[in-house]
């Protein structure tokens, strides 16, 4: 019994490669997207840190303004 491997063409050099490959064996091009998939939790942490930084900055500016005008 033989194993059947599906062949597709490399989008860069058009040579046949095995479907699901991550790198072309002919031109060595990366076949997976270069964007890293981040978890939704990581995106939430980034948003949360930015939001809290902005909130802290706004409170600091308000405190400086209040101290300036009350003295």
N, C-alpha and C. Protein backbone atom coordinates (compact mmCIF):
# COMPACT_ATOMS: atom_id res chain seq x y z
N UNK A 1 0.85 -1.17 0.00
CA UNK A 1 0.00 0.00 0.00
C UNK A 1 0.90 1.24 0.00
N UNK A 2 0.58 2.23 -0.80
CA UNK A 2 1.39 3.44 -0.87
C UNK A 2 0.62 4.62 -0.28
N UNK A 3 1.38 5.55 0.25
CA UNK A 3 0.79 6.75 0.82
C UNK A 3 0.72 7.81 -0.28
N UNK A 4 -0.45 8.38 -0.44
CA UNK A 4 -0.65 9.39 -1.47
C UNK A 4 -0.46 10.76 -0.82
N UNK A 5 0.46 11.55 -1.36
CA UNK A 5 0.70 12.90 -0.86
C UNK A 5 0.21 13.88 -1.91
N UNK A 6 -0.62 14.81 -1.47
CA UNK A 6 -1.14 15.82 -2.38
C UNK A 6 -0.07 16.84 -2.68
N UNK A 7 0.09 17.16 -3.93
CA UNK A 7 1.09 18.15 -4.34
C UNK A 7 0.39 19.43 -4.76
N UNK A 8 0.95 20.53 -4.34
CA UNK A 8 0.49 21.85 -4.75
C UNK A 8 1.69 22.61 -5.29
N UNK A 9 1.44 23.71 -5.95
CA UNK A 9 2.55 24.51 -6.49
C UNK A 9 2.95 25.59 -5.50
N UNK A 10 4.24 25.80 -5.39
CA UNK A 10 4.78 26.88 -4.56
C UNK A 10 4.32 28.21 -5.15
N UNK A 11 3.81 29.13 -4.35
CA UNK A 11 3.37 30.42 -4.89
C UNK A 11 4.53 31.29 -5.39
N UNK A 12 5.76 30.95 -5.02
CA UNK A 12 6.91 31.77 -5.42
C UNK A 12 7.60 31.22 -6.67
N UNK A 13 7.96 29.92 -6.64
CA UNK A 13 8.72 29.37 -7.77
C UNK A 13 7.89 28.43 -8.66
N UNK A 14 6.66 28.15 -8.25
CA UNK A 14 5.71 27.33 -9.02
C UNK A 14 6.14 25.87 -9.16
N UNK A 15 7.09 25.41 -8.35
CA UNK A 15 7.48 24.00 -8.36
C UNK A 15 6.52 23.22 -7.47
N UNK A 16 6.30 21.93 -7.78
CA UNK A 16 5.39 21.14 -6.94
C UNK A 16 6.00 20.84 -5.57
N UNK A 17 5.19 21.02 -4.53
CA UNK A 17 5.59 20.73 -3.16
C UNK A 17 4.46 19.99 -2.47
N UNK A 18 4.73 19.38 -1.35
CA UNK A 18 3.71 18.65 -0.60
C UNK A 18 2.78 19.65 0.08
N UNK A 19 1.49 19.40 -0.02
CA UNK A 19 0.49 20.27 0.59
C UNK A 19 0.71 20.32 2.09
N UNK A 20 0.63 21.49 2.67
CA UNK A 20 0.82 21.67 4.09
C UNK A 20 2.25 21.98 4.49
N UNK A 21 3.13 22.08 3.50
CA UNK A 21 4.53 22.41 3.80
C UNK A 21 4.63 23.82 4.33
N UNK A 22 5.63 24.06 5.17
CA UNK A 22 5.84 25.40 5.69
C UNK A 22 6.95 26.13 4.97
N UNK A 23 7.77 25.37 4.21
CA UNK A 23 8.88 25.97 3.45
C UNK A 23 9.03 25.20 2.15
N UNK A 24 9.28 25.92 1.07
CA UNK A 24 9.47 25.28 -0.23
C UNK A 24 10.85 24.65 -0.28
N UNK A 25 10.92 23.40 -0.74
CA UNK A 25 12.21 22.72 -0.81
C UNK A 25 13.05 23.16 -1.99
N UNK A 26 12.44 23.90 -2.91
CA UNK A 26 13.17 24.37 -4.09
C UNK A 26 13.75 25.77 -3.90
N UNK A 27 12.89 26.71 -3.49
CA UNK A 27 13.35 28.10 -3.36
C UNK A 27 13.50 28.53 -1.90
N UNK A 28 13.13 27.66 -0.98
CA UNK A 28 13.24 27.89 0.47
C UNK A 28 12.40 29.07 0.96
N UNK A 29 11.34 29.38 0.26
CA UNK A 29 10.45 30.47 0.68
C UNK A 29 9.55 29.99 1.81
N UNK A 30 9.27 30.89 2.75
CA UNK A 30 8.33 30.59 3.83
C UNK A 30 6.92 30.56 3.24
N UNK A 31 6.18 29.52 3.55
CA UNK A 31 4.83 29.39 2.99
C UNK A 31 3.75 29.70 4.00
N UNK A 32 4.10 29.87 5.26
CA UNK A 32 3.13 30.24 6.28
C UNK A 32 3.17 31.75 6.43
N UNK A 33 2.07 32.31 6.89
CA UNK A 33 2.04 33.76 7.04
C UNK A 33 3.02 34.18 8.12
N UNK A 34 3.62 35.33 7.94
CA UNK A 34 4.64 35.80 8.87
C UNK A 34 4.05 36.45 10.11
N UNK A 35 2.74 36.69 10.11
CA UNK A 35 2.13 37.28 11.28
C UNK A 35 1.94 36.21 12.34
N UNK A 36 2.37 36.53 13.52
CA UNK A 36 2.23 35.58 14.62
C UNK A 36 0.82 35.68 15.17
N UNK A 37 0.24 34.54 15.42
CA UNK A 37 -1.09 34.53 15.99
C UNK A 37 -0.96 34.71 17.50
N UNK A 38 -1.61 35.75 18.00
CA UNK A 38 -1.58 36.00 19.43
C UNK A 38 -2.91 35.59 20.03
N UNK A 39 -2.85 35.19 21.25
CA UNK A 39 -4.06 34.77 21.92
C UNK A 39 -4.91 36.00 22.26
N UNK A 40 -6.21 35.85 22.35
CA UNK A 40 -7.06 36.98 22.73
C UNK A 40 -6.70 37.53 24.11
N UNK A 41 -6.19 36.66 24.99
CA UNK A 41 -5.79 37.11 26.32
C UNK A 41 -4.62 38.08 26.24
N UNK A 42 -3.67 37.83 25.34
CA UNK A 42 -2.53 38.72 25.17
C UNK A 42 -2.99 40.08 24.66
N UNK A 43 -3.94 40.09 23.73
CA UNK A 43 -4.47 41.35 23.23
C UNK A 43 -5.18 42.11 24.34
N UNK A 44 -5.90 41.39 25.20
CA UNK A 44 -6.60 42.01 26.31
C UNK A 44 -5.61 42.62 27.28
N UNK A 45 -4.50 41.92 27.56
CA UNK A 45 -3.48 42.46 28.46
C UNK A 45 -2.87 43.73 27.90
N UNK A 46 -2.64 43.78 26.60
CA UNK A 46 -2.08 44.97 25.97
C UNK A 46 -3.08 46.12 26.06
N UNK A 47 -4.34 45.84 25.80
CA UNK A 47 -5.37 46.87 25.89
C UNK A 47 -5.50 47.36 27.31
N UNK A 48 -5.50 46.44 28.25
CA UNK A 48 -5.66 46.80 29.65
C UNK A 48 -4.50 47.68 30.12
N UNK A 49 -3.28 47.33 29.73
CA UNK A 49 -2.12 48.12 30.12
C UNK A 49 -2.19 49.53 29.53
N UNK A 50 -2.59 49.63 28.27
CA UNK A 50 -2.72 50.94 27.64
C UNK A 50 -3.82 51.77 28.27
N UNK A 51 -4.92 51.13 28.57
CA UNK A 51 -6.04 51.83 29.19
C UNK A 51 -5.66 52.35 30.57
N UNK A 52 -5.02 51.50 31.36
CA UNK A 52 -4.63 51.91 32.71
C UNK A 52 -3.55 52.99 32.67
N UNK A 53 -2.65 52.92 31.71
CA UNK A 53 -1.62 53.95 31.57
C UNK A 53 -2.27 55.29 31.22
N UNK A 54 -3.21 55.27 30.31
CA UNK A 54 -3.92 56.50 29.93
C UNK A 54 -4.71 57.07 31.08
N UNK A 55 -5.36 56.22 31.84
CA UNK A 55 -6.14 56.66 32.99
C UNK A 55 -5.23 57.27 34.05
N UNK A 56 -4.11 56.63 34.33
CA UNK A 56 -3.16 57.16 35.30
C UNK A 56 -2.60 58.49 34.85
N UNK A 57 -2.26 58.61 33.57
CA UNK A 57 -1.74 59.87 33.03
C UNK A 57 -2.79 60.97 33.16
N UNK A 58 -4.04 60.67 32.85
CA UNK A 58 -5.10 61.67 32.94
C UNK A 58 -5.30 62.13 34.38
N UNK A 59 -5.27 61.20 35.31
CA UNK A 59 -5.41 61.56 36.73
C UNK A 59 -4.24 62.40 37.20
N UNK A 60 -3.05 62.09 36.73
CA UNK A 60 -1.87 62.87 37.10
C UNK A 60 -1.97 64.30 36.58
N UNK A 61 -2.40 64.46 35.34
CA UNK A 61 -2.57 65.80 34.77
C UNK A 61 -3.66 66.57 35.52
N UNK A 62 -4.75 65.90 35.88
CA UNK A 62 -5.82 66.55 36.63
C UNK A 62 -5.33 66.97 38.02
N UNK A 63 -4.53 66.13 38.66
CA UNK A 63 -3.99 66.45 39.98
C UNK A 63 -3.04 67.64 39.90
N UNK A 64 -2.19 67.66 38.90
CA UNK A 64 -1.26 68.79 38.73
C UNK A 64 -2.05 70.08 38.48
N UNK A 65 -3.07 70.00 37.64
CA UNK A 65 -3.91 71.19 37.38
C UNK A 65 -4.62 71.65 38.62
N UNK A 66 -5.15 70.73 39.38
CA UNK A 66 -5.88 71.08 40.61
C UNK A 66 -4.94 71.72 41.62
N UNK A 67 -3.72 71.15 41.77
CA UNK A 67 -2.75 71.73 42.70
C UNK A 67 -2.29 73.11 42.24
N UNK A 68 -2.18 73.31 40.96
CA UNK A 68 -1.75 74.59 40.42
C UNK A 68 -2.79 75.68 40.67
N UNK A 69 -4.07 75.36 40.46
CA UNK A 69 -5.09 76.37 40.58
C UNK A 69 -5.59 76.57 42.02
N UNK A 70 -5.31 75.67 42.92
CA UNK A 70 -5.77 75.83 44.30
C UNK A 70 -4.72 76.50 45.17
N UNK A 71 -3.51 76.67 44.68
CA UNK A 71 -2.50 77.29 45.52
C UNK A 71 -2.24 78.73 45.14
